[in-house]
C-alpha atoms as a PDB file:
ATOM      1  CA  UNK A   1      47.365 -68.604  -9.891  1.00  0.00           C
ATOM      2  CA  UNK A   2      49.203 -67.481  -6.632  1.00  0.00           C
ATOM      3  CA  UNK A   3      46.392 -64.747  -5.973  1.00  0.00           C
ATOM      4  CA  UNK A   4      43.706 -67.544  -6.144  1.00  0.00           C
ATOM      5  CA  UNK A   5      45.784 -69.914  -3.800  1.00  0.00           C
ATOM      6  CA  UNK A   6      46.112 -66.983  -1.352  1.00  0.00           C
ATOM      7  CA  UNK A   7      42.556 -66.171  -1.356  1.00  0.00           C
ATOM      8  CA  UNK A   8      41.554 -69.873  -1.064  1.00  0.00           C
ATOM      9  CA  UNK A   9      43.964 -70.133   1.865  1.00  0.00           C
ATOM     10  CA  UNK A  10      42.643 -66.811   3.396  1.00  0.00           C
ATOM     11  CA  UNK A  11      39.032 -68.013   3.018  1.00  0.00           C
ATOM     12  CA  UNK A  12      39.774 -71.493   4.306  1.00  0.00           C
ATOM     13  CA  UNK A  13      41.296 -69.785   7.298  1.00  0.00           C
ATOM     14  CA  UNK A  14      38.388 -67.618   8.066  1.00  0.00           C
ATOM     15  CA  UNK A  15      36.019 -70.668   8.014  1.00  0.00           C
ATOM     16  CA  UNK A  16      38.581 -72.638  10.223  1.00  0.00           C
ATOM     17  CA  UNK A  17      38.161 -69.913  12.988  1.00  0.00           C
ATOM     18  CA  UNK A  18      34.309 -69.959  12.567  1.00  0.00           C
ATOM     19  CA  UNK A  19      34.143 -73.734  12.819  1.00  0.00           C
ATOM     20  CA  UNK A  20      36.587 -73.674  15.723  1.00  0.00           C
ATOM     21  CA  UNK A  21      34.635 -71.120  17.537  1.00  0.00           C
ATOM     22  CA  UNK A  22      31.371 -72.975  16.790  1.00  0.00           C
ATOM     23  CA  UNK A  23      32.807 -76.138  18.228  1.00  0.00           C
ATOM     24  CA  UNK A  24      34.135 -74.400  21.482  1.00  0.00           C
ATOM     25  CA  UNK A  25      30.947 -72.376  21.946  1.00  0.00           C
ATOM     26  CA  UNK A  26      27.971 -74.099  20.574  1.00  0.00           C
ATOM     27  CA  UNK A  27      28.729 -77.648  20.333  1.00  0.00           C
ATOM     28  CA  UNK A  28      30.541 -78.033  23.637  1.00  0.00           C
ATOM     29  CA  UNK A  29      27.286 -78.701  25.394  1.00  0.00           C
ATOM     30  CA  UNK A  30      25.793 -80.714  22.779  1.00  0.00           C
ATOM     31  CA  UNK A  31      28.276 -83.262  21.955  1.00  0.00           C
ATOM     32  CA  UNK A  32      30.027 -86.108  23.870  1.00  0.00           C
ATOM     33  CA  UNK A  33      33.727 -85.441  24.638  1.00  0.00           C
ATOM     34  CA  UNK A  34      34.799 -87.933  22.022  1.00  0.00           C
ATOM     35  CA  UNK A  35      32.803 -86.329  19.442  1.00  0.00           C
ATOM     36  CA  UNK A  36      34.105 -82.727  20.474  1.00  0.00           C
ATOM     37  CA  UNK A  37      37.597 -84.048  20.041  1.00  0.00           C
ATOM     38  CA  UNK A  38      36.726 -85.436  16.533  1.00  0.00           C
ATOM     39  CA  UNK A  39      35.378 -82.053  15.638  1.00  0.00           C
ATOM     40  CA  UNK A  40      38.642 -80.458  16.998  1.00  0.00           C
ATOM     41  CA  UNK A  41      40.731 -82.841  15.005  1.00  0.00           C
ATOM     42  CA  UNK A  42      38.984 -81.704  11.623  1.00  0.00           C
ATOM     43  CA  UNK A  43      39.536 -78.129  12.787  1.00  0.00           C
ATOM     44  CA  UNK A  44      43.103 -78.545  13.252  1.00  0.00           C
ATOM     45  CA  UNK A  45      44.020 -80.378  10.128  1.00  0.00           C
ATOM     46  CA  UNK A  46      41.901 -77.718   8.294  1.00  0.00           C
ATOM     47  CA  UNK A  47      43.956 -74.897  10.001  1.00  0.00           C
ATOM     48  CA  UNK A  48      47.410 -76.667   9.165  1.00  0.00           C
ATOM     49  CA  UNK A  49      46.442 -77.204   5.451  1.00  0.00           C
ATOM     50  CA  UNK A  50      45.014 -73.613   5.093  1.00  0.00           C
ATOM     51  CA  UNK A  51      48.312 -72.381   6.497  1.00  0.00           C
ATOM     52  CA  UNK A  52      49.984 -74.639   3.962  1.00  0.00           C
ATOM     53  CA  UNK A  53      48.070 -72.787   0.997  1.00  0.00           C
ATOM     54  CA  UNK A  54      49.189 -69.332   2.357  1.00  0.00           C
ATOM     55  CA  UNK A  55      52.752 -70.448   2.445  1.00  0.00           C
ATOM     56  CA  UNK A  56      52.274 -72.141  -1.048  1.00  0.00           C
ATOM     57  CA  UNK A  57      51.251 -68.842  -2.131  1.00  0.00           C
ATOM     58  CA  UNK A  58      53.985 -67.102  -0.533  1.00  0.00           C
ATOM     59  CA  UNK A  59      56.561 -69.237  -2.105  1.00  0.00           C
ATOM     60  CA  UNK A  60      55.812 -67.677  -5.350  1.00  0.00           C
ATOM     61  CA  UNK A  61      57.959 -68.970  -8.296  1.00  0.00           C
ATOM     62  CA  UNK A  62      59.825 -71.139  -6.084  1.00  0.00           C
ATOM     63  CA  UNK A  63      57.204 -73.788  -6.717  1.00  0.00           C
ATOM     64  CA  UNK A  64      56.125 -73.941 -10.371  1.00  0.00           C
ATOM     65  CA  UNK A  65      52.688 -73.164 -11.336  1.00  0.00           C
ATOM     66  CA  UNK A  66      51.557 -76.634 -12.348  1.00  0.00           C
ATOM     67  CA  UNK A  67      52.944 -77.976  -9.033  1.00  0.00           C
ATOM     68  CA  UNK A  68      51.553 -75.351  -7.067  1.00  0.00           C
ATOM     69  CA  UNK A  69      47.998 -75.914  -8.742  1.00  0.00           C
ATOM     70  CA  UNK A  70      48.215 -79.675  -7.812  1.00  0.00           C
ATOM     71  CA  UNK A  71      49.264 -79.078  -4.260  1.00  0.00           C
ATOM     72  CA  UNK A  72      46.616 -76.526  -3.834  1.00  0.00           C
ATOM     73  CA  UNK A  73      44.153 -79.011  -5.164  1.00  0.00           C
ATOM     74  CA  UNK A  74      45.393 -81.766  -2.890  1.00  0.00           C
ATOM     75  CA  UNK A  75      45.181 -79.758   0.211  1.00  0.00           C
ATOM     76  CA  UNK A  76      41.652 -78.416  -0.731  1.00  0.00           C
ATOM     77  CA  UNK A  77      40.296 -81.814  -1.526  1.00  0.00           C
ATOM     78  CA  UNK A  78      41.952 -83.255   1.647  1.00  0.00           C
ATOM     79  CA  UNK A  79      40.211 -80.503   3.850  1.00  0.00           C
ATOM     80  CA  UNK A  80      36.904 -81.290   2.290  1.00  0.00           C
ATOM     81  CA  UNK A  81      37.394 -85.100   2.792  1.00  0.00           C
ATOM     82  CA  UNK A  82      39.323 -85.359   5.996  1.00  0.00           C
ATOM     83  CA  UNK A  83      37.778 -82.377   7.909  1.00  0.00           C
ATOM     84  CA  UNK A  84      34.458 -82.273   6.382  1.00  0.00           C
ATOM     85  CA  UNK A  85      33.924 -86.069   7.018  1.00  0.00           C
ATOM     86  CA  UNK A  86      35.113 -85.477  10.672  1.00  0.00           C
ATOM     87  CA  UNK A  87      32.666 -82.549  11.070  1.00  0.00           C
ATOM     88  CA  UNK A  88      29.735 -84.648   9.857  1.00  0.00           C
ATOM     89  CA  UNK A  89      30.693 -87.889  11.863  1.00  0.00           C
ATOM     90  CA  UNK A  90      31.201 -85.981  15.055  1.00  0.00           C
ATOM     91  CA  UNK A  91      27.741 -84.261  14.740  1.00  0.00           C
ATOM     92  CA  UNK A  92      25.675 -87.335  13.481  1.00  0.00           C
ATOM     93  CA  UNK A  93      23.964 -87.674  16.879  1.00  0.00           C
ATOM     94  CA  UNK A  94      22.610 -84.062  16.504  1.00  0.00           C
ATOM     95  CA  UNK A  95      22.027 -84.216  12.530  1.00  0.00           C
ATOM     96  CA  UNK A  96      20.765 -87.721  12.263  1.00  0.00           C
ATOM     97  CA  UNK A  97      23.127 -88.788   9.761  1.00  0.00           C
ATOM     98  CA  UNK A  98      23.803 -92.009  11.363  1.00  0.00           C
ATOM     99  CA  UNK A  99      22.924 -93.824   7.954  1.00  0.00           C
ATOM    100  CA  UNK A 100      25.836 -92.074   6.325  1.00  0.00           C
ATOM    101  CA  UNK A 101      28.592 -93.356   8.809  1.00  0.00           C
ATOM    102  CA  UNK A 102      29.545 -96.221   6.401  1.00  0.00           C
ATOM    103  CA  UNK A 103      30.168 -93.698   3.699  1.00  0.00           C
ATOM    104  CA  UNK A 104      31.726 -90.888   5.699  1.00  0.00           C
ATOM    105  CA  UNK A 105      34.178 -93.206   7.751  1.00  0.00           C
ATOM    106  CA  UNK A 106      36.271 -94.239   4.563  1.00  0.00           C
ATOM    107  CA  UNK A 107      36.484 -90.500   3.348  1.00  0.00           C
ATOM    108  CA  UNK A 108      38.682 -89.520   6.322  1.00  0.00           C
ATOM    109  CA  UNK A 109      41.639 -91.645   5.371  1.00  0.00           C
ATOM    110  CA  UNK A 110      41.013 -90.552   1.583  1.00  0.00           C
ATOM    111  CA  UNK A 111      41.242 -86.965   2.791  1.00  0.00           C
ATOM    112  CA  UNK A 112      44.611 -88.076   4.845  1.00  0.00           C
ATOM    113  CA  UNK A 113      45.896 -89.348   1.488  1.00  0.00           C
ATOM    114  CA  UNK A 114      45.176 -85.964  -0.353  1.00  0.00           C
ATOM    115  CA  UNK A 115      47.273 -84.233   2.420  1.00  0.00           C
ATOM    116  CA  UNK A 116      50.015 -86.686   2.108  1.00  0.00           C
ATOM    117  CA  UNK A 117      50.133 -86.351  -1.538  1.00  0.00           C
ATOM    118  CA  UNK A 118      50.381 -82.513  -1.444  1.00  0.00           C
ATOM    119  CA  UNK A 119      53.190 -82.609   0.911  1.00  0.00           C
ATOM    120  CA  UNK A 120      54.942 -85.198  -1.165  1.00  0.00           C
ATOM    121  CA  UNK A 121      54.196 -82.945  -4.347  1.00  0.00           C
ATOM    122  CA  UNK A 122      55.853 -80.077  -2.560  1.00  0.00           C
ATOM    123  CA  UNK A 123      58.823 -82.191  -1.536  1.00  0.00           C
ATOM    124  CA  UNK A 124      59.235 -83.454  -5.080  1.00  0.00           C
ATOM    125  CA  UNK A 125      58.904 -79.787  -6.399  1.00  0.00           C
ATOM    126  CA  UNK A 126      61.514 -78.622  -4.033  1.00  0.00           C
ATOM    127  CA  UNK A 127      63.971 -81.285  -4.969  1.00  0.00           C
ATOM    128  CA  UNK A 128      63.549 -80.688  -8.756  1.00  0.00           C
ATOM    129  CA  UNK A 129      63.944 -76.752  -8.240  1.00  0.00           C
ATOM    130  CA  UNK A 130      67.166 -77.433  -6.469  1.00  0.00           C
ATOM    131  CA  UNK A 131      68.535 -79.557  -9.249  1.00  0.00           C
ATOM    132  CA  UNK A 132      67.444 -76.787 -11.675  1.00  0.00           C
ATOM    133  CA  UNK A 133      64.710 -78.942 -13.394  1.00  0.00           C
END
């Protein structure tokens, strides 16, 4: 399980670097400043939570396997919903995805709730480990 979380975190970090560079070098001349800021918000949250996955893998047995799996799932789904929706929303002028704005907009806060759930699960797991449960 830990090896898979580590691999997932590393893959998401590589994708984060790629998406950050794409935004900084390719999209900077194609998007308005507000859309570029939205893109970078997606990159920043993806970066934070991919690092979170790497830390989760490094914590080893300090986070029980079922908790680690749930946290990893929450972070990964959060990246997909939060960052993914921001990537699509920020580029809708280029991609012609205007019709999906009503669908994509609500996905962003759902992704944020996934992030929050993952961090709260880590918090609860840490308290339970401290109590010896």
